[in-house]
Amino acid sequence: MSDRGESTATETEAAPPEQEERHEWQTHEKKYMDIQNSEGGVFIKRSVTRDEWWNNIYGTLIVPPMPLERIKNEAAAIEYIRTHTNIPVPIVRCSFEDRGCHYIVTDIVPGVQMAKLTESQKIVVLKEVEEHLATMRSIKSTTMGGFLGKACLPYRLAAMRIPLDELQTMRFKESVPYELVLCHNDLSQHNIMVDESTLKITAILDWEYAGFYPKEFEGTFYKRPGPSGALEGEVNDEELLLAMLEECKRKPGE
C-alpha cells in the first residue's frame, strides 16, 4: 500500500471465499443435506428427533421405524460391501451420533438415477445390476439379520407390515431353515446411480435395510420405477416373507 492508500503492483488482494450450494429437505423419518462446491461435495443424512416427527392426515403421529439403527446399519453395510466386493457404493466420510440423532456423511455420487433413463438405456444397466446381485447372492452367512445384529428387514415389511415394538425386539434363531445371502432389501431404480454417458453404475445407495436373509427377501423391484413394494397388479410377496420370518424368529423364552 502506498502512502496515499493506493495498492502497489506487487500486492495481491485476498480471493473472495468460494460459494457453496446447500440443499436441505426432510421426509417423515430422515433429514438430508447436500453441500457442493467446485471441488465436489458431501451428502448428509440423519435420523429425525421426536420433535421433528410428522402427523399423518388424520393427526396421528408417524413414528419412524428404528431410524438410528438403520443409519448405523447402512454405514456398516457400505464398509462391508466396499471391503468384500467390487459393487460400487458411496464413500463414507464419517458416521456418528449426536444429540439423539445418527448421521452418515458420504461423498456426493455423480450420475443420474436409473429411474430417469430411457427404457433402452435401462436394459443395458439391468445387466450390471444382475451381475452385482449375483455377487451378493454368492456371499453367505449363518447368522440372519443386519450388520449390527438388528432385524433390519426389507422396506416393504419394516415400513408397513410389522408393529414397531415387535420390530425393535425381534431376534432370530441361531439356525434357520433357509440359506442366508447378502441382500440390499430396498433395491429400487431410485437407489441406483448411473453415468449417463457410459451407462455404468456409479453407486448403489441406501443400504439401511441390508443384511443376510433368504434370497426371496431381495425382490426384483429394480426392474421398474417405483418403491420396493408390490404395485397394483403385481404379485405381493409380503405374506410369504412374514411366514418365513415366523419360522426364523426366536420365540419368547428361547
C-alpha atoms as a PDB file:
ATOM      1  CA  MET A   1       0.000   0.000   0.000  1.00  0.00           C
ATOM      2  CA  SER A   2       1.402   3.445  -0.919  1.00  0.00           C
ATOM      3  CA  ASP A   3       1.349   6.426   1.436  1.00  0.00           C
ATOM      4  CA  ARG A   4      -1.768   7.633  -0.339  1.00  0.00           C
ATOM      5  CA  GLY A   5      -3.627   4.360   0.308  1.00  0.00           C
ATOM      6  CA  GLU A   6      -3.244   3.016  -3.244  1.00  0.00           C
ATOM      7  CA  SER A   7      -2.353  -0.607  -3.942  1.00  0.00           C
ATOM      8  CA  THR A   8       1.013  -1.276  -5.496  1.00  0.00           C
ATOM      9  CA  ALA A   9       1.541  -3.681  -8.368  1.00  0.00           C
ATOM     10  CA  THR A  10       3.328  -6.221  -6.142  1.00  0.00           C
ATOM     11  CA  GLU A  11       0.428  -6.690  -3.769  1.00  0.00           C
ATOM     12  CA  THR A  12      -2.480  -9.069  -4.297  1.00  0.00           C
ATOM     13  CA  GLU A  13      -5.884  -8.940  -2.751  1.00  0.00           C
ATOM     14  CA  ALA A  14      -7.336 -11.949  -0.915  1.00  0.00           C
ATOM     15  CA  ALA A  15      -9.648 -14.002  -3.080  1.00  0.00           C
ATOM     16  CA  PRO A  16     -13.281 -13.964  -2.006  1.00  0.00           C
ATOM     17  CA  PRO A  17     -14.430 -17.127  -0.228  1.00  0.00           C
ATOM     18  CA  GLU A  18     -15.770 -19.791  -2.551  1.00  0.00           C
ATOM     19  CA  GLN A  19     -19.536 -20.025  -2.622  1.00  0.00           C
ATOM     20  CA  GLU A  20     -21.151 -23.276  -1.527  1.00  0.00           C
ATOM     21  CA  GLU A  21     -24.504 -24.583  -2.637  1.00  0.00           C
ATOM     22  CA  ARG A  22     -26.610 -26.155   0.096  1.00  0.00           C
ATOM     23  CA  HIS A  23     -29.902 -28.003  -0.241  1.00  0.00           C
ATOM     24  CA  GLU A  24     -31.913 -29.370   2.663  1.00  0.00           C
ATOM     25  CA  TRP A  25     -35.051 -31.495   2.734  1.00  0.00           C
ATOM     26  CA  GLN A  26     -36.896 -33.838   5.057  1.00  0.00           C
ATOM     27  CA  THR A  27     -39.130 -36.903   4.989  1.00  0.00           C
ATOM     28  CA  HIS A  28     -41.171 -38.255   7.887  1.00  0.00           C
ATOM     29  CA  GLU A  29     -38.170 -40.240   9.144  1.00  0.00           C
ATOM     30  CA  LYS A  30     -34.949 -38.530   7.983  1.00  0.00           C
ATOM     31  CA  LYS A  31     -33.378 -35.150   7.202  1.00  0.00           C
ATOM     32  CA  TYR A  32     -30.999 -34.617   4.300  1.00  0.00           C
ATOM     33  CA  MET A  33     -28.464 -32.031   3.171  1.00  0.00           C
ATOM     34  CA  ASP A  34     -26.036 -31.804   0.296  1.00  0.00           C
ATOM     35  CA  ILE A  35     -23.203 -29.287   0.208  1.00  0.00           C
ATOM     36  CA  GLN A  36     -21.395 -28.688  -3.073  1.00  0.00           C
ATOM     37  CA  ASN A  37     -18.551 -26.511  -4.342  1.00  0.00           C
ATOM     38  CA  SER A  38     -16.095 -26.651  -7.233  1.00  0.00           C
ATOM     39  CA  GLU A  39     -14.079 -29.433  -5.571  1.00  0.00           C
ATOM     40  CA  GLY A  40     -17.043 -31.754  -5.084  1.00  0.00           C
ATOM     41  CA  GLY A  41     -19.429 -32.138  -2.222  1.00  0.00           C
ATOM     42  CA  VAL A  42     -20.853 -34.218   0.585  1.00  0.00           C
ATOM     43  CA  PHE A  43     -24.247 -35.720   1.283  1.00  0.00           C
ATOM     44  CA  ILE A  44     -25.503 -35.799   4.872  1.00  0.00           C
ATOM     45  CA  LYS A  45     -28.343 -37.955   6.152  1.00  0.00           C
ATOM     46  CA  ARG A  46     -29.558 -38.131   9.733  1.00  0.00           C
ATOM     47  CA  SER A  47     -32.403 -39.545  11.754  1.00  0.00           C
ATOM     48  CA  VAL A  48     -35.040 -37.109  12.992  1.00  0.00           C
ATOM     49  CA  THR A  49     -35.669 -36.194  16.614  1.00  0.00           C
ATOM     50  CA  ARG A  50     -39.024 -36.728  18.277  1.00  0.00           C
ATOM     51  CA  ASP A  51     -39.794 -33.022  17.880  1.00  0.00           C
ATOM     52  CA  GLU A  52     -39.412 -33.459  14.116  1.00  0.00           C
ATOM     53  CA  TRP A  53     -41.864 -36.342  13.708  1.00  0.00           C
ATOM     54  CA  TRP A  54     -44.779 -35.650  11.381  1.00  0.00           C
ATOM     55  CA  ASN A  55     -48.504 -36.217  11.765  1.00  0.00           C
ATOM     56  CA  ASN A  56     -50.471 -38.005   9.079  1.00  0.00           C
ATOM     57  CA  ILE A  57     -53.630 -36.575   7.511  1.00  0.00           C
ATOM     58  CA  TYR A  58     -55.654 -37.921  10.434  1.00  0.00           C
ATOM     59  CA  GLY A  59     -53.468 -36.164  13.008  1.00  0.00           C
ATOM     60  CA  THR A  60     -51.760 -39.353  14.180  1.00  0.00           C
ATOM     61  CA  LEU A  61     -48.055 -39.140  14.939  1.00  0.00           C
ATOM     62  CA  ILE A  62     -45.883 -41.055  12.454  1.00  0.00           C
ATOM     63  CA  VAL A  63     -43.211 -42.917  14.425  1.00  0.00           C
ATOM     64  CA  PRO A  64     -40.194 -43.783  12.218  1.00  0.00           C
ATOM     65  CA  PRO A  65     -39.208 -47.483  12.450  1.00  0.00           C
ATOM     66  CA  MET A  66     -35.738 -47.841  14.032  1.00  0.00           C
ATOM     67  CA  PRO A  67     -34.202 -44.710  12.453  1.00  0.00           C
ATOM     68  CA  LEU A  68     -30.905 -44.709  14.399  1.00  0.00           C
ATOM     69  CA  GLU A  69     -30.360 -48.437  13.959  1.00  0.00           C
ATOM     70  CA  ARG A  70     -30.958 -48.275  10.220  1.00  0.00           C
ATOM     71  CA  ILE A  71     -28.452 -45.491   9.574  1.00  0.00           C
ATOM     72  CA  LYS A  72     -25.854 -47.264  11.725  1.00  0.00           C
ATOM     73  CA  ASN A  73     -26.571 -50.426   9.749  1.00  0.00           C
ATOM     74  CA  GLU A  74     -26.119 -48.551   6.467  1.00  0.00           C
ATOM     75  CA  ALA A  75     -22.650 -47.314   7.437  1.00  0.00           C
ATOM     76  CA  ALA A  76     -21.589 -50.829   8.445  1.00  0.00           C
ATOM     77  CA  ALA A  77     -23.098 -52.338   5.280  1.00  0.00           C
ATOM     78  CA  ILE A  78     -21.303 -49.902   2.955  1.00  0.00           C
ATOM     79  CA  GLU A  79     -17.981 -50.610   4.668  1.00  0.00           C
ATOM     80  CA  TYR A  80     -18.555 -54.361   4.283  1.00  0.00           C
ATOM     81  CA  ILE A  81     -19.540 -54.052   0.616  1.00  0.00           C
ATOM     82  CA  ARG A  82     -16.556 -51.836  -0.176  1.00  0.00           C
ATOM     83  CA  THR A  83     -14.157 -54.262   1.542  1.00  0.00           C
ATOM     84  CA  HIS A  84     -15.509 -57.570   0.230  1.00  0.00           C
ATOM     85  CA  THR A  85     -16.920 -56.834  -3.246  1.00  0.00           C
ATOM     86  CA  ASN A  86     -16.488 -54.721  -6.378  1.00  0.00           C
ATOM     87  CA  ILE A  87     -20.034 -53.317  -6.062  1.00  0.00           C
ATOM     88  CA  PRO A  88     -19.860 -49.506  -6.347  1.00  0.00           C
ATOM     89  CA  VAL A  89     -21.027 -47.742  -3.179  1.00  0.00           C
ATOM     90  CA  PRO A  90     -20.667 -44.189  -1.828  1.00  0.00           C
ATOM     91  CA  ILE A  91     -17.503 -43.215   0.039  1.00  0.00           C
ATOM     92  CA  VAL A  92     -18.368 -42.726   3.709  1.00  0.00           C
ATOM     93  CA  ARG A  93     -16.578 -39.755   5.260  1.00  0.00           C
ATOM     94  CA  CYS A  94     -17.902 -40.454   8.760  1.00  0.00           C
ATOM     95  CA  SER A  95     -20.836 -41.817  10.743  1.00  0.00           C
ATOM     96  CA  PHE A  96     -21.624 -40.645  14.260  1.00  0.00           C
ATOM     97  CA  GLU A  97     -24.288 -39.966  16.863  1.00  0.00           C
ATOM     98  CA  ASP A  98     -25.030 -36.505  18.247  1.00  0.00           C
ATOM     99  CA  ARG A  99     -27.894 -35.269  20.414  1.00  0.00           C
ATOM    100  CA  GLY A 100     -30.050 -38.303  19.844  1.00  0.00           C
ATOM    101  CA  CYS A 101     -29.572 -38.399  16.056  1.00  0.00           C
ATOM    102  CA  HIS A 102     -27.344 -40.632  13.984  1.00  0.00           C
ATOM    103  CA  TYR A 103     -25.566 -39.141  10.974  1.00  0.00           C
ATOM    104  CA  ILE A 104     -23.900 -40.596   7.915  1.00  0.00           C
ATOM    105  CA  VAL A 105     -21.763 -38.333   5.705  1.00  0.00           C
ATOM    106  CA  THR A 106     -20.748 -39.516   2.236  1.00  0.00           C
ATOM    107  CA  ASP A 107     -19.258 -38.051  -0.903  1.00  0.00           C
ATOM    108  CA  ILE A 108     -21.898 -36.973  -3.408  1.00  0.00           C
ATOM    109  CA  VAL A 109     -22.248 -39.685  -6.054  1.00  0.00           C
ATOM    110  CA  PRO A 110     -22.129 -38.471  -9.680  1.00  0.00           C
ATOM    111  CA  GLY A 111     -24.683 -39.601 -12.220  1.00  0.00           C
ATOM    112  CA  VAL A 112     -28.451 -39.857 -12.538  1.00  0.00           C
ATOM    113  CA  GLN A 113     -30.973 -42.218 -11.018  1.00  0.00           C
ATOM    114  CA  MET A 114     -31.660 -45.284 -13.121  1.00  0.00           C
ATOM    115  CA  ALA A 115     -35.353 -44.343 -12.989  1.00  0.00           C
ATOM    116  CA  LYS A 116     -34.600 -41.275 -15.148  1.00  0.00           C
ATOM    117  CA  LEU A 117     -33.030 -43.237 -18.028  1.00  0.00           C
ATOM    118  CA  THR A 118     -34.814 -44.281 -21.198  1.00  0.00           C
ATOM    119  CA  GLU A 119     -36.095 -47.849 -21.445  1.00  0.00           C
ATOM    120  CA  SER A 120     -33.350 -48.775 -23.915  1.00  0.00           C
ATOM    121  CA  GLN A 121     -30.700 -47.396 -21.553  1.00  0.00           C
ATOM    122  CA  LYS A 122     -32.181 -49.315 -18.629  1.00  0.00           C
ATOM    123  CA  ILE A 123     -31.770 -52.595 -20.500  1.00  0.00           C
ATOM    124  CA  VAL A 124     -28.004 -52.012 -20.528  1.00  0.00           C
ATOM    125  CA  VAL A 125     -27.893 -51.071 -16.839  1.00  0.00           C
ATOM    126  CA  LEU A 126     -30.016 -54.065 -15.803  1.00  0.00           C
ATOM    127  CA  LYS A 127     -27.259 -56.412 -16.944  1.00  0.00           C
ATOM    128  CA  GLU A 128     -24.830 -54.804 -14.486  1.00  0.00           C
ATOM    129  CA  VAL A 129     -27.443 -54.818 -11.712  1.00  0.00           C
ATOM    130  CA  GLU A 130     -27.893 -58.563 -12.204  1.00  0.00           C
ATOM    131  CA  GLU A 131     -24.109 -59.065 -12.031  1.00  0.00           C
ATOM    132  CA  HIS A 132     -23.944 -57.247  -8.699  1.00  0.00           C
ATOM    133  CA  LEU A 133     -26.893 -59.233  -7.377  1.00  0.00           C
ATOM    134  CA  ALA A 134     -25.114 -62.453  -8.339  1.00  0.00           C
ATOM    135  CA  THR A 135     -22.111 -61.264  -6.340  1.00  0.00           C
ATOM    136  CA  MET A 136     -24.349 -60.552  -3.360  1.00  0.00           C
ATOM    137  CA  ARG A 137     -26.040 -63.960  -3.569  1.00  0.00           C
ATOM    138  CA  SER A 138     -22.592 -65.595  -3.519  1.00  0.00           C
ATOM    139  CA  ILE A 139     -21.847 -64.054  -0.109  1.00  0.00           C
ATOM    140  CA  LYS A 140     -23.457 -66.155   2.595  1.00  0.00           C
ATOM    141  CA  SER A 141     -23.772 -66.173   6.364  1.00  0.00           C
ATOM    142  CA  THR A 142     -25.100 -68.494   9.052  1.00  0.00           C
ATOM    143  CA  THR A 143     -26.458 -65.543  11.056  1.00  0.00           C
ATOM    144  CA  MET A 144     -29.703 -63.861   9.988  1.00  0.00           C
ATOM    145  CA  GLY A 145     -30.156 -60.097  10.341  1.00  0.00           C
ATOM    146  CA  GLY A 146     -28.471 -56.754   9.755  1.00  0.00           C
ATOM    147  CA  PHE A 147     -24.800 -55.959  10.105  1.00  0.00           C
ATOM    148  CA  LEU A 148     -25.070 -54.855  13.735  1.00  0.00           C
ATOM    149  CA  GLY A 149     -27.312 -57.642  14.973  1.00  0.00           C
ATOM    150  CA  LYS A 150     -30.641 -55.855  14.495  1.00  0.00           C
ATOM    151  CA  ALA A 151     -33.573 -57.053  12.398  1.00  0.00           C
ATOM    152  CA  CYS A 152     -33.236 -54.530   9.560  1.00  0.00           C
ATOM    153  CA  LEU A 153     -35.975 -56.099   7.459  1.00  0.00           C
ATOM    154  CA  PRO A 154     -36.909 -55.265   3.852  1.00  0.00           C
ATOM    155  CA  TYR A 155     -38.525 -51.890   3.339  1.00  0.00           C
ATOM    156  CA  ARG A 156     -41.867 -53.421   2.381  1.00  0.00           C
ATOM    157  CA  LEU A 157     -42.063 -55.201   5.761  1.00  0.00           C
ATOM    158  CA  ALA A 158     -40.331 -52.781   8.107  1.00  0.00           C
ATOM    159  CA  ALA A 159     -42.209 -49.743   6.858  1.00  0.00           C
ATOM    160  CA  MET A 160     -45.689 -51.210   6.512  1.00  0.00           C
ATOM    161  CA  ARG A 161     -46.332 -54.660   7.968  1.00  0.00           C
ATOM    162  CA  ILE A 162     -44.614 -55.155  11.336  1.00  0.00           C
ATOM    163  CA  PRO A 163     -45.526 -53.231  14.519  1.00  0.00           C
ATOM    164  CA  LEU A 164     -42.707 -51.034  15.794  1.00  0.00           C
ATOM    165  CA  ASP A 165     -42.429 -52.685  19.219  1.00  0.00           C
ATOM    166  CA  GLU A 166     -42.116 -56.119  17.589  1.00  0.00           C
ATOM    167  CA  LEU A 167     -39.549 -54.846  15.079  1.00  0.00           C
ATOM    168  CA  GLN A 168     -37.375 -53.346  17.817  1.00  0.00           C
ATOM    169  CA  THR A 169     -37.244 -56.557  19.850  1.00  0.00           C
ATOM    170  CA  MET A 170     -37.136 -59.122  17.027  1.00  0.00           C
ATOM    171  CA  ARG A 171     -34.308 -61.647  17.219  1.00  0.00           C
ATOM    172  CA  PHE A 172     -33.582 -64.647  15.024  1.00  0.00           C
ATOM    173  CA  LYS A 173     -32.769 -68.260  15.818  1.00  0.00           C
ATOM    174  CA  GLU A 174     -29.133 -69.315  15.681  1.00  0.00           C
ATOM    175  CA  SER A 175     -30.063 -71.828  12.988  1.00  0.00           C
ATOM    176  CA  VAL A 176     -32.772 -71.077  10.419  1.00  0.00           C
ATOM    177  CA  PRO A 177     -34.181 -73.369   7.675  1.00  0.00           C
ATOM    178  CA  TYR A 178     -33.023 -71.147   4.799  1.00  0.00           C
ATOM    179  CA  GLU A 179     -29.774 -70.264   3.092  1.00  0.00           C
ATOM    180  CA  LEU A 180     -28.841 -66.705   4.061  1.00  0.00           C
ATOM    181  CA  VAL A 181     -27.357 -64.414   1.409  1.00  0.00           C
ATOM    182  CA  LEU A 182     -26.412 -60.752   1.319  1.00  0.00           C
ATOM    183  CA  CYS A 183     -29.490 -58.642   0.472  1.00  0.00           C
ATOM    184  CA  HIS A 184     -29.915 -54.910  -0.133  1.00  0.00           C
ATOM    185  CA  ASN A 185     -33.647 -55.085   0.692  1.00  0.00           C
ATOM    186  CA  ASP A 186     -34.562 -51.708  -0.869  1.00  0.00           C
ATOM    187  CA  LEU A 187     -33.114 -52.038  -4.351  1.00  0.00           C
ATOM    188  CA  SER A 188     -35.247 -49.710  -6.458  1.00  0.00           C
ATOM    189  CA  GLN A 189     -34.249 -47.772  -9.565  1.00  0.00           C
ATOM    190  CA  HIS A 190     -34.123 -44.631  -7.424  1.00  0.00           C
ATOM    191  CA  ASN A 191     -31.259 -46.155  -5.420  1.00  0.00           C
ATOM    192  CA  ILE A 192     -29.097 -46.942  -8.455  1.00  0.00           C
ATOM    193  CA  MET A 193     -26.928 -44.102  -9.778  1.00  0.00           C
ATOM    194  CA  VAL A 194     -25.679 -44.306 -13.358  1.00  0.00           C
ATOM    195  CA  ASP A 195     -23.186 -42.433 -15.544  1.00  0.00           C
ATOM    196  CA  GLU A 196     -25.463 -41.273 -18.357  1.00  0.00           C
ATOM    197  CA  SER A 197     -22.684 -41.312 -20.968  1.00  0.00           C
ATOM    198  CA  THR A 198     -21.217 -44.771 -20.261  1.00  0.00           C
ATOM    199  CA  LEU A 199     -24.314 -46.348 -18.646  1.00  0.00           C
ATOM    200  CA  LYS A 200     -22.065 -47.779 -15.922  1.00  0.00           C
ATOM    201  CA  ILE A 201     -23.369 -47.802 -12.359  1.00  0.00           C
ATOM    202  CA  THR A 202     -21.566 -45.210 -10.233  1.00  0.00           C
ATOM    203  CA  ALA A 203     -23.059 -46.361  -6.925  1.00  0.00           C
ATOM    204  CA  ILE A 204     -25.864 -48.310  -5.313  1.00  0.00           C
ATOM    205  CA  LEU A 205     -27.337 -46.218  -2.499  1.00  0.00           C
ATOM    206  CA  ASP A 206     -29.387 -46.617   0.701  1.00  0.00           C
ATOM    207  CA  TRP A 207     -28.157 -49.784   2.396  1.00  0.00           C
ATOM    208  CA  GLU A 208     -30.213 -49.146   5.560  1.00  0.00           C
ATOM    209  CA  TYR A 209     -32.158 -52.416   5.300  1.00  0.00           C
ATOM    210  CA  ALA A 210     -29.208 -54.567   4.199  1.00  0.00           C
ATOM    211  CA  GLY A 211     -28.188 -57.803   5.848  1.00  0.00           C
ATOM    212  CA  PHE A 212     -28.206 -61.582   5.471  1.00  0.00           C
ATOM    213  CA  TYR A 213     -31.611 -63.039   4.685  1.00  0.00           C
ATOM    214  CA  PRO A 214     -33.247 -65.699   2.481  1.00  0.00           C
ATOM    215  CA  LYS A 215     -32.831 -64.730  -1.187  1.00  0.00           C
ATOM    216  CA  GLU A 216     -36.602 -64.211  -1.507  1.00  0.00           C
ATOM    217  CA  PHE A 217     -36.322 -61.077   0.638  1.00  0.00           C
ATOM    218  CA  GLU A 218     -34.470 -59.130  -2.077  1.00  0.00           C
ATOM    219  CA  GLY A 219     -37.294 -58.814  -4.586  1.00  0.00           C
ATOM    220  CA  THR A 220     -36.948 -57.602  -8.188  1.00  0.00           C
ATOM    221  CA  PHE A 221     -38.251 -54.046  -7.826  1.00  0.00           C
ATOM    222  CA  TYR A 222     -35.212 -52.643  -9.653  1.00  0.00           C
ATOM    223  CA  LYS A 223     -36.821 -53.804 -12.905  1.00  0.00           C
ATOM    224  CA  ARG A 224     -39.323 -50.926 -12.931  1.00  0.00           C
ATOM    225  CA  PRO A 225     -39.622 -47.422 -11.434  1.00  0.00           C
ATOM    226  CA  GLY A 226     -41.330 -47.047  -8.085  1.00  0.00           C
ATOM    227  CA  PRO A 227     -40.960 -48.197  -4.482  1.00  0.00           C
ATOM    228  CA  SER A 228     -39.563 -51.510  -3.221  1.00  0.00           C
ATOM    229  CA  GLY A 229     -43.001 -52.989  -2.749  1.00  0.00           C
ATOM    230  CA  ALA A 230     -45.711 -54.503  -4.913  1.00  0.00           C
ATOM    231  CA  LEU A 231     -47.730 -52.078  -7.012  1.00  0.00           C
ATOM    232  CA  GLU A 232     -51.282 -52.700  -8.181  1.00  0.00           C
ATOM    233  CA  GLY A 233     -51.372 -55.747 -10.425  1.00  0.00           C
ATOM    234  CA  GLU A 234     -48.021 -57.128  -9.203  1.00  0.00           C
ATOM    235  CA  VAL A 235     -47.537 -60.261  -7.104  1.00  0.00           C
ATOM    236  CA  ASN A 236     -47.392 -59.281  -3.434  1.00  0.00           C
ATOM    237  CA  ASP A 237     -44.899 -61.471  -1.565  1.00  0.00           C
ATOM    238  CA  GLU A 238     -45.346 -59.924   1.882  1.00  0.00           C
ATOM    239  CA  GLU A 239     -47.393 -62.805   3.310  1.00  0.00           C
ATOM    240  CA  LEU A 240     -44.751 -65.267   2.127  1.00  0.00           C
ATOM    241  CA  LEU A 241     -41.979 -63.274   3.787  1.00  0.00           C
ATOM    242  CA  LEU A 242     -43.957 -62.930   7.013  1.00  0.00           C
ATOM    243  CA  ALA A 243     -44.446 -66.706   7.088  1.00  0.00           C
ATOM    244  CA  MET A 244     -40.712 -67.219   6.574  1.00  0.00           C
ATOM    245  CA  LEU A 245     -39.996 -64.769   9.379  1.00  0.00           C
ATOM    246  CA  GLU A 246     -42.184 -66.771  11.745  1.00  0.00           C
ATOM    247  CA  GLU A 247     -40.024 -69.816  11.068  1.00  0.00           C
ATOM    248  CA  CYS A 248     -36.849 -67.845  11.809  1.00  0.00           C
ATOM    249  CA  LYS A 249     -37.812 -65.699  14.802  1.00  0.00           C
ATOM    250  CA  ARG A 250     -36.914 -66.589  18.338  1.00  0.00           C
ATOM    251  CA  LYS A 251     -39.952 -67.245  20.442  1.00  0.00           C
ATOM    252  CA  PRO A 252     -40.290 -65.742  23.939  1.00  0.00           C
ATOM    253  CA  GLY A 253     -38.069 -67.615  26.333  1.00  0.00           C
ATOM    254  CA  GLU A 254     -35.768 -69.015  23.643  1.00  0.00           C
END
